[in-house]
Amino acid sequence: MMTIHITYFAALRDATGQTEETLRTEVKTANALFHELTTKYHWPFSEADIQVAINDRYQPVEAALKEGDRVVFIPPVAGG
């Protein structure tokens, strides 16, 4: 198990009801973490819809995670 720190923005913040969370997990990749959180919060997005930043750097969704990482999933935003 490892501890991951997650920050939520926009629609993901609305879906979770929080701006951040610390989670103990056994997943190994950002993609697997995204799926774990989608199951928990029923997000209406797929991994193709989002971008991920790990420790303040954009990464591919398949990027490996390690103990203490700070993860941000960035959902699509609408505006006009």
N, C-alpha and C. Protein backbone atom coordinates (compact mmCIF):
# COMPACT_ATOMS: atom_id res chain seq x y z
N MET A 1 0.84 -1.19 0.00
CA MET A 1 0.00 0.00 0.00
C MET A 1 0.88 1.24 0.00
N MET A 2 0.39 2.27 -0.67
CA MET A 2 1.09 3.55 -0.63
C MET A 2 0.08 4.67 -0.43
N THR A 3 0.59 5.80 0.00
CA THR A 3 -0.24 6.98 0.22
C THR A 3 -0.06 7.93 -0.95
N ILE A 4 -1.19 8.35 -1.53
CA ILE A 4 -1.21 9.28 -2.65
C ILE A 4 -2.05 10.48 -2.23
N HIS A 5 -1.61 11.68 -2.59
CA HIS A 5 -2.35 12.90 -2.29
C HIS A 5 -3.00 13.37 -3.60
N ILE A 6 -4.31 13.56 -3.57
CA ILE A 6 -5.06 13.90 -4.77
C ILE A 6 -5.73 15.25 -4.59
N THR A 7 -5.65 16.08 -5.63
CA THR A 7 -6.35 17.36 -5.66
C THR A 7 -7.41 17.29 -6.75
N TYR A 8 -8.59 17.81 -6.43
CA TYR A 8 -9.73 17.78 -7.35
C TYR A 8 -10.07 19.19 -7.81
N PHE A 9 -10.34 19.33 -9.12
CA PHE A 9 -10.75 20.60 -9.70
C PHE A 9 -12.07 20.43 -10.45
N ALA A 10 -12.77 21.54 -10.60
CA ALA A 10 -13.94 21.66 -11.46
C ALA A 10 -14.96 20.55 -11.19
N ALA A 11 -15.37 19.83 -12.24
CA ALA A 11 -16.42 18.81 -12.12
C ALA A 11 -16.00 17.68 -11.19
N LEU A 12 -14.72 17.38 -11.10
CA LEU A 12 -14.27 16.32 -10.19
C LEU A 12 -14.40 16.77 -8.74
N ARG A 13 -14.14 18.03 -8.47
CA ARG A 13 -14.33 18.59 -7.13
C ARG A 13 -15.82 18.53 -6.76
N ASP A 14 -16.68 18.88 -7.71
CA ASP A 14 -18.12 18.83 -7.47
C ASP A 14 -18.58 17.40 -7.18
N ALA A 15 -18.05 16.44 -7.93
CA ALA A 15 -18.46 15.03 -7.77
C ALA A 15 -17.99 14.44 -6.44
N THR A 16 -16.81 14.86 -5.98
CA THR A 16 -16.27 14.30 -4.74
C THR A 16 -16.72 15.08 -3.52
N GLY A 17 -17.10 16.34 -3.71
CA GLY A 17 -17.47 17.18 -2.58
C GLY A 17 -16.28 17.65 -1.76
N GLN A 18 -15.08 17.56 -2.34
CA GLN A 18 -13.88 18.00 -1.63
C GLN A 18 -12.82 18.47 -2.62
N THR A 19 -11.90 19.27 -2.14
CA THR A 19 -10.85 19.78 -3.01
C THR A 19 -9.61 18.91 -3.01
N GLU A 20 -9.45 18.11 -1.96
CA GLU A 20 -8.29 17.22 -1.90
C GLU A 20 -8.57 16.03 -1.00
N GLU A 21 -7.73 15.03 -1.16
CA GLU A 21 -7.91 13.79 -0.41
C GLU A 21 -6.56 13.08 -0.34
N THR A 22 -6.31 12.43 0.77
CA THR A 22 -5.16 11.53 0.88
C THR A 22 -5.70 10.13 0.92
N LEU A 23 -5.17 9.28 0.07
CA LEU A 23 -5.72 7.94 -0.13
C LEU A 23 -4.64 6.89 0.01
N ARG A 24 -4.94 5.82 0.71
CA ARG A 24 -4.07 4.64 0.75
C ARG A 24 -4.56 3.70 -0.35
N THR A 25 -3.68 3.27 -1.22
CA THR A 25 -4.09 2.47 -2.36
C THR A 25 -3.00 1.47 -2.74
N GLU A 26 -3.42 0.47 -3.48
CA GLU A 26 -2.47 -0.52 -4.00
C GLU A 26 -2.25 -0.37 -5.50
N VAL A 27 -2.91 0.59 -6.14
CA VAL A 27 -2.76 0.76 -7.58
C VAL A 27 -1.34 1.21 -7.91
N LYS A 28 -0.93 0.95 -9.14
CA LYS A 28 0.45 1.23 -9.55
C LYS A 28 0.57 2.37 -10.56
N THR A 29 -0.55 2.74 -11.23
CA THR A 29 -0.49 3.76 -12.28
C THR A 29 -1.57 4.81 -12.06
N ALA A 30 -1.38 5.96 -12.71
CA ALA A 30 -2.39 7.02 -12.64
C ALA A 30 -3.71 6.53 -13.23
N ASN A 31 -3.64 5.77 -14.31
CA ASN A 31 -4.85 5.23 -14.93
C ASN A 31 -5.62 4.33 -13.96
N ALA A 32 -4.93 3.47 -13.26
CA ALA A 32 -5.59 2.58 -12.30
C ALA A 32 -6.18 3.40 -11.14
N LEU A 33 -5.49 4.45 -10.72
CA LEU A 33 -6.01 5.32 -9.67
C LEU A 33 -7.27 6.02 -10.17
N PHE A 34 -7.24 6.51 -11.40
CA PHE A 34 -8.41 7.16 -11.97
C PHE A 34 -9.61 6.20 -11.97
N HIS A 35 -9.39 4.95 -12.36
CA HIS A 35 -10.49 3.97 -12.37
C HIS A 35 -10.97 3.66 -10.95
N GLU A 36 -10.06 3.58 -10.00
CA GLU A 36 -10.45 3.35 -8.61
C GLU A 36 -11.34 4.49 -8.12
N LEU A 37 -10.96 5.72 -8.44
CA LEU A 37 -11.74 6.88 -8.01
C LEU A 37 -13.05 7.00 -8.78
N THR A 38 -13.05 6.60 -10.04
CA THR A 38 -14.30 6.61 -10.82
C THR A 38 -15.31 5.66 -10.20
N THR A 39 -14.86 4.50 -9.77
CA THR A 39 -15.75 3.54 -9.10
C THR A 39 -16.27 4.12 -7.79
N LYS A 40 -15.42 4.80 -7.07
CA LYS A 40 -15.81 5.37 -5.78
C LYS A 40 -16.78 6.55 -5.93
N TYR A 41 -16.52 7.43 -6.91
CA TYR A 41 -17.28 8.67 -7.04
C TYR A 41 -18.23 8.72 -8.25
N HIS A 42 -18.19 7.72 -9.11
CA HIS A 42 -19.08 7.65 -10.29
C HIS A 42 -18.90 8.85 -11.22
N TRP A 43 -17.64 9.19 -11.51
CA TRP A 43 -17.36 10.30 -12.42
C TRP A 43 -17.86 9.99 -13.81
N PRO A 44 -18.34 11.01 -14.54
CA PRO A 44 -18.85 10.79 -15.89
C PRO A 44 -17.77 10.89 -16.97
N PHE A 45 -16.51 10.70 -16.61
CA PHE A 45 -15.42 10.84 -17.56
C PHE A 45 -14.65 9.53 -17.72
N SER A 46 -14.00 9.38 -18.87
CA SER A 46 -13.08 8.26 -19.06
C SER A 46 -11.66 8.83 -19.01
N GLU A 47 -10.67 7.95 -18.99
CA GLU A 47 -9.29 8.43 -18.95
C GLU A 47 -8.93 9.20 -20.22
N ALA A 48 -9.67 8.97 -21.31
CA ALA A 48 -9.42 9.73 -22.55
C ALA A 48 -9.87 11.18 -22.41
N ASP A 49 -10.75 11.46 -21.45
CA ASP A 49 -11.28 12.82 -21.26
C ASP A 49 -10.42 13.69 -20.37
N ILE A 50 -9.52 13.11 -19.62
CA ILE A 50 -8.81 13.86 -18.60
C ILE A 50 -7.31 13.94 -18.90
N GLN A 51 -6.68 14.89 -18.21
CA GLN A 51 -5.22 14.96 -18.19
C GLN A 51 -4.80 14.69 -16.76
N VAL A 52 -3.56 14.28 -16.58
CA VAL A 52 -3.07 14.00 -15.23
C VAL A 52 -1.75 14.73 -15.02
N ALA A 53 -1.61 15.28 -13.82
CA ALA A 53 -0.34 15.87 -13.40
C ALA A 53 0.10 15.12 -12.14
N ILE A 54 1.35 14.73 -12.12
CA ILE A 54 1.93 14.06 -10.96
C ILE A 54 3.10 14.91 -10.50
N ASN A 55 3.03 15.33 -9.24
CA ASN A 55 4.07 16.20 -8.67
C ASN A 55 4.31 17.43 -9.54
N ASP A 56 3.20 18.06 -9.96
CA ASP A 56 3.21 19.33 -10.70
C ASP A 56 3.72 19.23 -12.13
N ARG A 57 3.74 18.04 -12.70
CA ARG A 57 4.15 17.86 -14.10
C ARG A 57 3.13 16.99 -14.83
N TYR A 58 2.71 17.47 -16.01
CA TYR A 58 1.81 16.65 -16.82
C TYR A 58 2.50 15.33 -17.15
N GLN A 59 1.71 14.25 -17.07
CA GLN A 59 2.24 12.92 -17.33
C GLN A 59 1.22 12.15 -18.17
N PRO A 60 1.66 11.12 -18.87
CA PRO A 60 0.70 10.25 -19.54
C PRO A 60 -0.13 9.51 -18.49
N VAL A 61 -1.35 9.20 -18.82
CA VAL A 61 -2.24 8.55 -17.85
C VAL A 61 -1.69 7.19 -17.41
N GLU A 62 -0.80 6.59 -18.18
CA GLU A 62 -0.20 5.30 -17.83
C GLU A 62 0.99 5.44 -16.88
N ALA A 63 1.32 6.66 -16.48
CA ALA A 63 2.49 6.90 -15.63
C ALA A 63 2.41 6.13 -14.32
N ALA A 64 3.56 5.64 -13.89
CA ALA A 64 3.65 4.91 -12.62
C ALA A 64 3.54 5.89 -11.45
N LEU A 65 2.98 5.39 -10.36
CA LEU A 65 2.86 6.16 -9.13
C LEU A 65 3.82 5.60 -8.09
N LYS A 66 4.22 6.49 -7.17
CA LYS A 66 5.06 6.04 -6.06
C LYS A 66 4.59 6.70 -4.78
N GLU A 67 5.02 6.18 -3.68
CA GLU A 67 4.66 6.67 -2.35
C GLU A 67 4.79 8.19 -2.27
N GLY A 68 3.73 8.84 -1.79
CA GLY A 68 3.76 10.28 -1.54
C GLY A 68 3.49 11.17 -2.73
N ASP A 69 3.24 10.59 -3.91
CA ASP A 69 2.97 11.41 -5.09
C ASP A 69 1.77 12.31 -4.86
N ARG A 70 1.80 13.49 -5.50
CA ARG A 70 0.69 14.43 -5.53
C ARG A 70 0.09 14.35 -6.93
N VAL A 71 -1.17 13.93 -7.01
CA VAL A 71 -1.82 13.69 -8.29
C VAL A 71 -2.98 14.66 -8.47
N VAL A 72 -3.07 15.20 -9.67
CA VAL A 72 -4.21 16.04 -10.04
C VAL A 72 -4.77 15.49 -11.34
N PHE A 73 -6.06 15.16 -11.35
CA PHE A 73 -6.75 14.80 -12.56
C PHE A 73 -7.47 16.04 -13.05
N ILE A 74 -7.26 16.41 -14.30
CA ILE A 74 -7.80 17.64 -14.85
C ILE A 74 -8.89 17.28 -15.85
N PRO A 75 -10.14 17.57 -15.49
CA PRO A 75 -11.26 17.22 -16.38
C PRO A 75 -11.38 18.24 -17.49
N PRO A 76 -12.14 17.91 -18.52
CA PRO A 76 -12.39 18.91 -19.57
C PRO A 76 -13.17 20.07 -18.97
N VAL A 77 -12.87 21.24 -19.46
CA VAL A 77 -13.59 22.42 -18.97
C VAL A 77 -14.33 23.07 -20.13
N ALA A 78 -15.48 23.61 -19.83
CA ALA A 78 -16.28 24.29 -20.84
C ALA A 78 -16.27 25.77 -20.52
N GLY A 79 -16.39 26.55 -21.50
CA GLY A 79 -16.44 27.99 -21.27
C GLY A 79 -16.82 28.70 -22.55
N GLY A 80 -16.93 29.95 -22.43
CA GLY A 80 -17.32 30.67 -23.64
C GLY A 80 -17.13 32.13 -23.49
